[in-house]
Amino acid sequence: MAKQKKFCPRCGKSADSGDSYCIKCGHSFTGRRKSSSSKTIIIALIVILVLWIGIRLYLKQPIIPEGLIETIKNIFAKKAG
């Protein structure tokens, strides 16, 4: 019984129907899994932000430090002037 063939959508190389990857270009025939790295980074940033706000409120300090506010004002003043 002859093996069925399929063709790589990226490079056009023929492959056996059971192959998972193209032997010429490496294209995956099984589909790609979405990486959760971007989701993990977003969650980590949210956790850090919540911790920052919580600590600043606990210490009864402004959420944004005064020095940072002054630096931002100076940057915008230089761009405007």
PDB file of N, CA and C in Angstrom:
ATOM      1  N   MET A   1       0.858  -1.176   0.000  1.00  0.00           N
ATOM      2  CA  MET A   1       0.000   0.000   0.000  1.00  0.00           C
ATOM      3  C   MET A   1       0.903   1.237   0.000  1.00  0.00           C
ATOM      4  N   ALA A   2       0.636   2.177  -0.888  1.00  0.00           N
ATOM      5  CA  ALA A   2       1.456   3.371  -1.035  1.00  0.00           C
ATOM      6  C   ALA A   2       1.097   4.382   0.042  1.00  0.00           C
ATOM      7  N   LYS A   3       2.148   5.064   0.510  1.00  0.00           N
ATOM      8  CA  LYS A   3       1.932   6.110   1.515  1.00  0.00           C
ATOM      9  C   LYS A   3       1.324   7.335   0.844  1.00  0.00           C
ATOM     10  N   GLN A   4       0.415   7.963   1.547  1.00  0.00           N
ATOM     11  CA  GLN A   4      -0.178   9.183   1.019  1.00  0.00           C
ATOM     12  C   GLN A   4       0.814  10.323   1.209  1.00  0.00           C
ATOM     13  N   LYS A   5       0.793  11.247   0.286  1.00  0.00           N
ATOM     14  CA  LYS A   5       1.698  12.393   0.325  1.00  0.00           C
ATOM     15  C   LYS A   5       0.917  13.665   0.623  1.00  0.00           C
ATOM     16  N   LYS A   6       1.609  14.603   1.222  1.00  0.00           N
ATOM     17  CA  LYS A   6       1.081  15.952   1.390  1.00  0.00           C
ATOM     18  C   LYS A   6       2.207  16.909   1.057  1.00  0.00           C
ATOM     19  N   PHE A   7       1.879  18.156   0.892  1.00  0.00           N
ATOM     20  CA  PHE A   7       2.875  19.136   0.502  1.00  0.00           C
ATOM     21  C   PHE A   7       2.964  20.239   1.555  1.00  0.00           C
ATOM     22  N   CYS A   8       4.171  20.680   1.779  1.00  0.00           N
ATOM     23  CA  CYS A   8       4.415  21.748   2.745  1.00  0.00           C
ATOM     24  C   CYS A   8       3.840  23.061   2.199  1.00  0.00           C
ATOM     25  N   PRO A   9       3.026  23.750   3.002  1.00  0.00           N
ATOM     26  CA  PRO A   9       2.465  25.019   2.532  1.00  0.00           C
ATOM     27  C   PRO A   9       3.502  26.136   2.451  1.00  0.00           C
ATOM     28  N   ARG A  10       4.629  25.959   3.120  1.00  0.00           N
ATOM     29  CA  ARG A  10       5.658  26.994   3.108  1.00  0.00           C
ATOM     30  C   ARG A  10       6.601  26.859   1.922  1.00  0.00           C
ATOM     31  N   CYS A  11       7.130  25.634   1.704  1.00  0.00           N
ATOM     32  CA  CYS A  11       8.150  25.477   0.656  1.00  0.00           C
ATOM     33  C   CYS A  11       7.712  24.579  -0.503  1.00  0.00           C
ATOM     34  N   GLY A  12       6.620  23.818  -0.343  1.00  0.00           N
ATOM     35  CA  GLY A  12       6.112  22.978  -1.412  1.00  0.00           C
ATOM     36  C   GLY A  12       6.712  21.584  -1.477  1.00  0.00           C
ATOM     37  N   LYS A  13       7.622  21.239  -0.579  1.00  0.00           N
ATOM     38  CA  LYS A  13       8.256  19.917  -0.552  1.00  0.00           C
ATOM     39  C   LYS A  13       7.212  18.864  -0.203  1.00  0.00           C
ATOM     40  N   SER A  14       7.270  17.718  -0.877  1.00  0.00           N
ATOM     41  CA  SER A  14       6.329  16.639  -0.557  1.00  0.00           C
ATOM     42  C   SER A  14       6.776  15.946   0.725  1.00  0.00           C
ATOM     43  N   ALA A  15       5.798  15.453   1.465  1.00  0.00           N
ATOM     44  CA  ALA A  15       6.070  14.769   2.732  1.00  0.00           C
ATOM     45  C   ALA A  15       5.060  13.647   2.891  1.00  0.00           C
ATOM     46  N   ASP A  16       5.398  12.659   3.703  1.00  0.00           N
ATOM     47  CA  ASP A  16       4.463  11.580   4.007  1.00  0.00           C
ATOM     48  C   ASP A  16       3.333  12.131   4.879  1.00  0.00           C
ATOM     49  N   SER A  17       2.174  11.525   4.789  1.00  0.00           N
ATOM     50  CA  SER A  17       1.007  12.036   5.509  1.00  0.00           C
ATOM     51  C   SER A  17       1.197  11.987   7.028  1.00  0.00           C
ATOM     52  N   GLY A  18       2.059  11.107   7.528  1.00  0.00           N
ATOM     53  CA  GLY A  18       2.265  10.999   8.970  1.00  0.00           C
ATOM     54  C   GLY A  18       3.337  11.916   9.522  1.00  0.00           C
ATOM     55  N   ASP A  19       4.041  12.632   8.647  1.00  0.00           N
ATOM     56  CA  ASP A  19       5.117  13.513   9.108  1.00  0.00           C
ATOM     57  C   ASP A  19       4.555  14.701   9.891  1.00  0.00           C
ATOM     58  N   SER A  20       5.301  15.093  10.904  1.00  0.00           N
ATOM     59  CA  SER A  20       4.897  16.241  11.712  1.00  0.00           C
ATOM     60  C   SER A  20       5.552  17.529  11.240  1.00  0.00           C
ATOM     61  N   TYR A  21       6.735  17.396  10.639  1.00  0.00           N
ATOM     62  CA  TYR A  21       7.500  18.556  10.186  1.00  0.00           C
ATOM     63  C   TYR A  21       7.999  18.344   8.769  1.00  0.00           C
ATOM     64  N   CYS A  22       8.181  19.442   8.053  1.00  0.00           N
ATOM     65  CA  CYS A  22       8.771  19.394   6.721  1.00  0.00           C
ATOM     66  C   CYS A  22      10.275  19.177   6.886  1.00  0.00           C
ATOM     67  N   ILE A  23      10.828  18.208   6.141  1.00  0.00           N
ATOM     68  CA  ILE A  23      12.261  17.927   6.272  1.00  0.00           C
ATOM     69  C   ILE A  23      13.118  18.986   5.575  1.00  0.00           C
ATOM     70  N   LYS A  24      12.512  19.803   4.729  1.00  0.00           N
ATOM     71  CA  LYS A  24      13.275  20.828   4.019  1.00  0.00           C
ATOM     72  C   LYS A  24      13.333  22.146   4.810  1.00  0.00           C
ATOM     73  N   CYS A  25      12.183  22.638   5.259  1.00  0.00           N
ATOM     74  CA  CYS A  25      12.160  23.958   5.910  1.00  0.00           C
ATOM     75  C   CYS A  25      11.801  23.918   7.391  1.00  0.00           C
ATOM     76  N   GLY A  26      11.330  22.766   7.894  1.00  0.00           N
ATOM     77  CA  GLY A  26      11.015  22.652   9.316  1.00  0.00           C
ATOM     78  C   GLY A  26       9.619  23.102   9.704  1.00  0.00           C
ATOM     79  N   HIS A  27       8.786  23.432   8.727  1.00  0.00           N
ATOM     80  CA  HIS A  27       7.417  23.864   9.018  1.00  0.00           C
ATOM     81  C   HIS A  27       6.658  22.754   9.739  1.00  0.00           C
ATOM     82  N   SER A  28       5.919  23.115  10.776  1.00  0.00           N
ATOM     83  CA  SER A  28       5.136  22.145  11.540  1.00  0.00           C
ATOM     84  C   SER A  28       3.796  21.903  10.867  1.00  0.00           C
ATOM     85  N   PHE A  29       3.479  20.636  10.599  1.00  0.00           N
ATOM     86  CA  PHE A  29       2.187  20.283  10.017  1.00  0.00           C
ATOM     87  C   PHE A  29       1.106  20.141  11.081  1.00  0.00           C
ATOM     88  N   THR A  30       1.492  20.031  12.336  1.00  0.00           N
ATOM     89  CA  THR A  30       0.533  19.795  13.408  1.00  0.00           C
ATOM     90  C   THR A  30      -0.020  21.078  13.993  1.00  0.00           C
ATOM     91  N   GLY A  31       0.459  22.209  13.557  1.00  0.00           N
ATOM     92  CA  GLY A  31      -0.004  23.482  14.101  1.00  0.00           C
ATOM     93  C   GLY A  31       0.868  23.895  15.264  1.00  0.00           C
ATOM     94  N   ARG A  32       0.847  25.151  15.504  1.00  0.00           N
ATOM     95  CA  ARG A  32       1.697  25.676  16.578  1.00  0.00           C
ATOM     96  C   ARG A  32       0.876  25.906  17.825  1.00  0.00           C
ATOM     97  N   ARG A  33       1.509  25.647  18.943  1.00  0.00           N
ATOM     98  CA  ARG A  33       0.886  25.967  20.214  1.00  0.00           C
ATOM     99  C   ARG A  33       1.173  27.424  20.514  1.00  0.00           C
ATOM    100  N   LYS A  34       0.183  28.091  21.034  1.00  0.00           N
ATOM    101  CA  LYS A  34       0.390  29.481  21.413  1.00  0.00           C
ATOM    102  C   LYS A  34       1.204  29.507  22.691  1.00  0.00           C
ATOM    103  N   SER A  35       2.231  30.326  22.671  1.00  0.00           N
ATOM    104  CA  SER A  35       3.074  30.402  23.858  1.00  0.00           C
ATOM    105  C   SER A  35       2.384  31.234  24.922  1.00  0.00           C
ATOM    106  N   SER A  36       2.605  30.855  26.136  1.00  0.00           N
ATOM    107  CA  SER A  36       1.997  31.579  27.239  1.00  0.00           C
ATOM    108  C   SER A  36       2.988  32.555  27.851  1.00  0.00           C
ATOM    109  N   SER A  37       4.123  32.782  27.180  1.00  0.00           N
ATOM    110  CA  SER A  37       5.130  33.667  27.752  1.00  0.00           C
ATOM    111  C   SER A  37       4.631  35.105  27.831  1.00  0.00           C
ATOM    112  N   SER A  38       3.897  35.580  26.839  1.00  0.00           N
ATOM    113  CA  SER A  38       3.396  36.952  26.903  1.00  0.00           C
ATOM    114  C   SER A  38       2.350  37.090  28.008  1.00  0.00           C
ATOM    115  N   LYS A  39       1.527  36.073  28.175  1.00  0.00           N
ATOM    116  CA  LYS A  39       0.538  36.102  29.247  1.00  0.00           C
ATOM    117  C   LYS A  39       1.234  36.105  30.607  1.00  0.00           C
ATOM    118  N   THR A  40       2.304  35.328  30.744  1.00  0.00           N
ATOM    119  CA  THR A  40       3.048  35.263  31.989  1.00  0.00           C
ATOM    120  C   THR A  40       3.693  36.605  32.307  1.00  0.00           C
ATOM    121  N   ILE A  41       4.238  37.262  31.298  1.00  0.00           N
ATOM    122  CA  ILE A  41       4.863  38.564  31.501  1.00  0.00           C
ATOM    123  C   ILE A  41       3.835  39.596  31.945  1.00  0.00           C
ATOM    124  N   ILE A  42       2.670  39.591  31.318  1.00  0.00           N
ATOM    125  CA  ILE A  42       1.624  40.542  31.686  1.00  0.00           C
ATOM    126  C   ILE A  42       1.171  40.313  33.119  1.00  0.00           C
ATOM    127  N   ILE A  43       0.980  39.068  33.493  1.00  0.00           N
ATOM    128  CA  ILE A  43       0.565  38.758  34.867  1.00  0.00           C
ATOM    129  C   ILE A  43       1.637  39.193  35.853  1.00  0.00           C
ATOM    130  N   ALA A  44       2.903  38.938  35.532  1.00  0.00           N
ATOM    131  CA  ALA A  44       3.997  39.341  36.422  1.00  0.00           C
ATOM    132  C   ALA A  44       4.034  40.856  36.588  1.00  0.00           C
ATOM    133  N   LEU A  45       3.845  41.606  35.499  1.00  0.00           N
ATOM    134  CA  LEU A  45       3.837  43.063  35.583  1.00  0.00           C
ATOM    135  C   LEU A  45       2.673  43.579  36.428  1.00  0.00           C
ATOM    136  N   ILE A  46       1.521  42.958  36.295  1.00  0.00           N
ATOM    137  CA  ILE A  46       0.367  43.354  37.107  1.00  0.00           C
ATOM    138  C   ILE A  46       0.629  43.092  38.579  1.00  0.00           C
ATOM    139  N   VAL A  47       1.217  41.941  38.887  1.00  0.00           N
ATOM    140  CA  VAL A  47       1.534  41.610  40.281  1.00  0.00           C
ATOM    141  C   VAL A  47       2.528  42.621  40.849  1.00  0.00           C
ATOM    142  N   ILE A  48       3.557  42.953  40.082  1.00  0.00           N
ATOM    143  CA  ILE A  48       4.551  43.929  40.544  1.00  0.00           C
ATOM    144  C   ILE A  48       3.895  45.291  40.766  1.00  0.00           C
ATOM    145  N   LEU A  49       3.023  45.713  39.851  1.00  0.00           N
ATOM    146  CA  LEU A  49       2.339  46.988  39.993  1.00  0.00           C
ATOM    147  C   LEU A  49       1.458  47.016  41.236  1.00  0.00           C
ATOM    148  N   VAL A  50       0.716  45.955  41.468  1.00  0.00           N
ATOM    149  CA  VAL A  50      -0.151  45.888  42.650  1.00  0.00           C
ATOM    150  C   VAL A  50       0.690  45.909  43.921  1.00  0.00           C
ATOM    151  N   LEU A  51       1.803  45.182  43.936  1.00  0.00           N
ATOM    152  CA  LEU A  51       2.687  45.204  45.106  1.00  0.00           C
ATOM    153  C   LEU A  51       3.262  46.596  45.328  1.00  0.00           C
ATOM    154  N   TRP A  52       3.698  47.251  44.243  1.00  0.00           N
ATOM    155  CA  TRP A  52       4.239  48.613  44.357  1.00  0.00           C
ATOM    156  C   TRP A  52       3.207  49.553  44.981  1.00  0.00           C
ATOM    157  N   ILE A  53       1.999  49.522  44.457  1.00  0.00           N
ATOM    158  CA  ILE A  53       0.946  50.405  44.967  1.00  0.00           C
ATOM    159  C   ILE A  53       0.636  50.077  46.422  1.00  0.00           C
ATOM    160  N   GLY A  54       0.543  48.793  46.741  1.00  0.00           N
ATOM    161  CA  GLY A  54       0.255  48.389  48.118  1.00  0.00           C
ATOM    162  C   GLY A  54       1.328  48.842  49.091  1.00  0.00           C
ATOM    163  N   ILE A  55       2.581  48.685  48.725  1.00  0.00           N
ATOM    164  CA  ILE A  55       3.680  49.093  49.607  1.00  0.00           C
ATOM    165  C   ILE A  55       3.691  50.610  49.782  1.00  0.00           C
ATOM    166  N   ARG A  56       3.505  51.341  48.666  1.00  0.00           N
ATOM    167  CA  ARG A  56       3.518  52.808  48.759  1.00  0.00           C
ATOM    168  C   ARG A  56       2.357  53.311  49.615  1.00  0.00           C
ATOM    169  N   LEU A  57       1.188  52.695  49.489  1.00  0.00           N
ATOM    170  CA  LEU A  57       0.051  53.097  50.315  1.00  0.00           C
ATOM    171  C   LEU A  57       0.276  52.728  51.775  1.00  0.00           C
ATOM    172  N   TYR A  58       0.838  51.575  52.022  1.00  0.00           N
ATOM    173  CA  TYR A  58       1.128  51.139  53.397  1.00  0.00           C
ATOM    174  C   TYR A  58       2.112  52.092  54.074  1.00  0.00           C
ATOM    175  N   LEU A  59       3.099  52.550  53.328  1.00  0.00           N
ATOM    176  CA  LEU A  59       4.098  53.474  53.866  1.00  0.00           C
ATOM    177  C   LEU A  59       3.619  54.924  53.844  1.00  0.00           C
ATOM    178  N   LYS A  60       2.379  55.142  53.406  1.00  0.00           N
ATOM    179  CA  LYS A  60       1.766  56.468  53.321  1.00  0.00           C
ATOM    180  C   LYS A  60       2.621  57.434  52.511  1.00  0.00           C
ATOM    181  N   GLN A  61       3.086  56.913  51.369  1.00  0.00           N
ATOM    182  CA  GLN A  61       3.859  57.705  50.430  1.00  0.00           C
ATOM    183  C   GLN A  61       3.078  57.802  49.133  1.00  0.00           C
ATOM    184  N   PRO A  62       3.362  58.849  48.341  1.00  0.00           N
ATOM    185  CA  PRO A  62       2.674  58.931  47.042  1.00  0.00           C
ATOM    186  C   PRO A  62       3.016  57.723  46.176  1.00  0.00           C
ATOM    187  N   ILE A  63       2.063  57.289  45.385  1.00  0.00           N
ATOM    188  CA  ILE A  63       2.285  56.108  44.544  1.00  0.00           C
ATOM    189  C   ILE A  63       3.409  56.364  43.553  1.00  0.00           C
ATOM    190  N   ILE A  64       3.439  57.579  42.982  1.00  0.00           N
ATOM    191  CA  ILE A  64       4.522  57.947  42.066  1.00  0.00           C
ATOM    192  C   ILE A  64       5.479  58.854  42.841  1.00  0.00           C
ATOM    193  N   PRO A  65       6.736  58.464  42.987  1.00  0.00           N
ATOM    194  CA  PRO A  65       7.689  59.274  43.755  1.00  0.00           C
ATOM    195  C   PRO A  65       7.857  60.676  43.163  1.00  0.00           C
ATOM    196  N   GLU A  66       8.059  61.665  44.048  1.00  0.00           N
ATOM    197  CA  GLU A  66       8.188  63.055  43.622  1.00  0.00           C
ATOM    198  C   GLU A  66       9.331  63.250  42.628  1.00  0.00           C
ATOM    199  N   GLY A  67      10.456  62.570  42.844  1.00  0.00           N
ATOM    200  CA  GLY A  67      11.588  62.698  41.935  1.00  0.00           C
ATOM    201  C   GLY A  67      11.245  62.258  40.517  1.00  0.00           C
ATOM    202  N   LEU A  68      10.456  61.228  40.398  1.00  0.00           N
ATOM    203  CA  LEU A  68      10.034  60.749  39.082  1.00  0.00           C
ATOM    204  C   LEU A  68       9.098  61.753  38.410  1.00  0.00           C
ATOM    205  N   ILE A  69       8.219  62.347  39.190  1.00  0.00           N
ATOM    206  CA  ILE A  69       7.305  63.358  38.642  1.00  0.00           C
ATOM    207  C   ILE A  69       8.101  64.542  38.109  1.00  0.00           C
ATOM    208  N   GLU A  70       9.091  65.000  38.868  1.00  0.00           N
ATOM    209  CA  GLU A  70       9.921  66.123  38.427  1.00  0.00           C
ATOM    210  C   GLU A  70      10.693  65.782  37.158  1.00  0.00           C
ATOM    211  N   THR A  71      11.214  64.553  37.087  1.00  0.00           N
ATOM    212  CA  THR A  71      11.949  64.120  35.898  1.00  0.00           C
ATOM    213  C   THR A  71      11.039  64.129  34.675  1.00  0.00           C
ATOM    214  N   ILE A  72       9.823  63.643  34.818  1.00  0.00           N
ATOM    215  CA  ILE A  72       8.869  63.616  33.705  1.00  0.00           C
ATOM    216  C   ILE A  72       8.511  65.041  33.283  1.00  0.00           C
ATOM    217  N   LYS A  73       8.302  65.933  34.258  1.00  0.00           N
ATOM    218  CA  LYS A  73       7.998  67.330  33.937  1.00  0.00           C
ATOM    219  C   LYS A  73       9.144  67.963  33.164  1.00  0.00           C
ATOM    220  N   ASN A  74      10.380  67.699  33.576  1.00  0.00           N
ATOM    221  CA  ASN A  74      11.544  68.263  32.895  1.00  0.00           C
ATOM    222  C   ASN A  74      11.660  67.748  31.467  1.00  0.00           C
ATOM    223  N   ILE A  75      11.377  66.478  31.260  1.00  0.00           N
ATOM    224  CA  ILE A  75      11.451  65.905  29.915  1.00  0.00           C
ATOM    225  C   ILE A  75      10.437  66.572  28.994  1.00  0.00           C
ATOM    226  N   PHE A  76       9.211  66.736  29.466  1.00  0.00           N
ATOM    227  CA  PHE A  76       8.181  67.361  28.640  1.00  0.00           C
ATOM    228  C   PHE A  76       8.438  68.842  28.458  1.00  0.00           C
ATOM    229  N   ALA A  77       9.032  69.504  29.442  1.00  0.00           N
ATOM    230  CA  ALA A  77       9.349  70.926  29.312  1.00  0.00           C
ATOM    231  C   ALA A  77      10.409  71.129  28.240  1.00  0.00           C
ATOM    232  N   LYS A  78      11.401  70.233  28.155  1.00  0.00           N
ATOM    233  CA  LYS A  78      12.448  70.335  27.145  1.00  0.00           C
ATOM    234  C   LYS A  78      11.878  70.106  25.754  1.00  0.00           C
ATOM    235  N   LYS A  79      10.946  69.169  25.609  1.00  0.00           N
ATOM    236  CA  LYS A  79      10.347  68.881  24.304  1.00  0.00           C
ATOM    237  C   LYS A  79       9.466  70.035  23.848  1.00  0.00           C
ATOM    238  N   ALA A  80       8.752  70.656  24.770  1.00  0.00           N
ATOM    239  CA  ALA A  80       7.832  71.739  24.420  1.00  0.00           C
ATOM    240  C   ALA A  80       8.595  73.042  24.140  1.00  0.00           C
ATOM    241  N   GLY A  81       9.710  73.245  24.801  1.00  0.00           N
ATOM    242  CA  GLY A  81      10.425  74.527  24.701  1.00  0.00           C
ATOM    243  C   GLY A  81      11.483  74.506  23.712  1.00  0.00           C
TER     244      GLY A  81
END
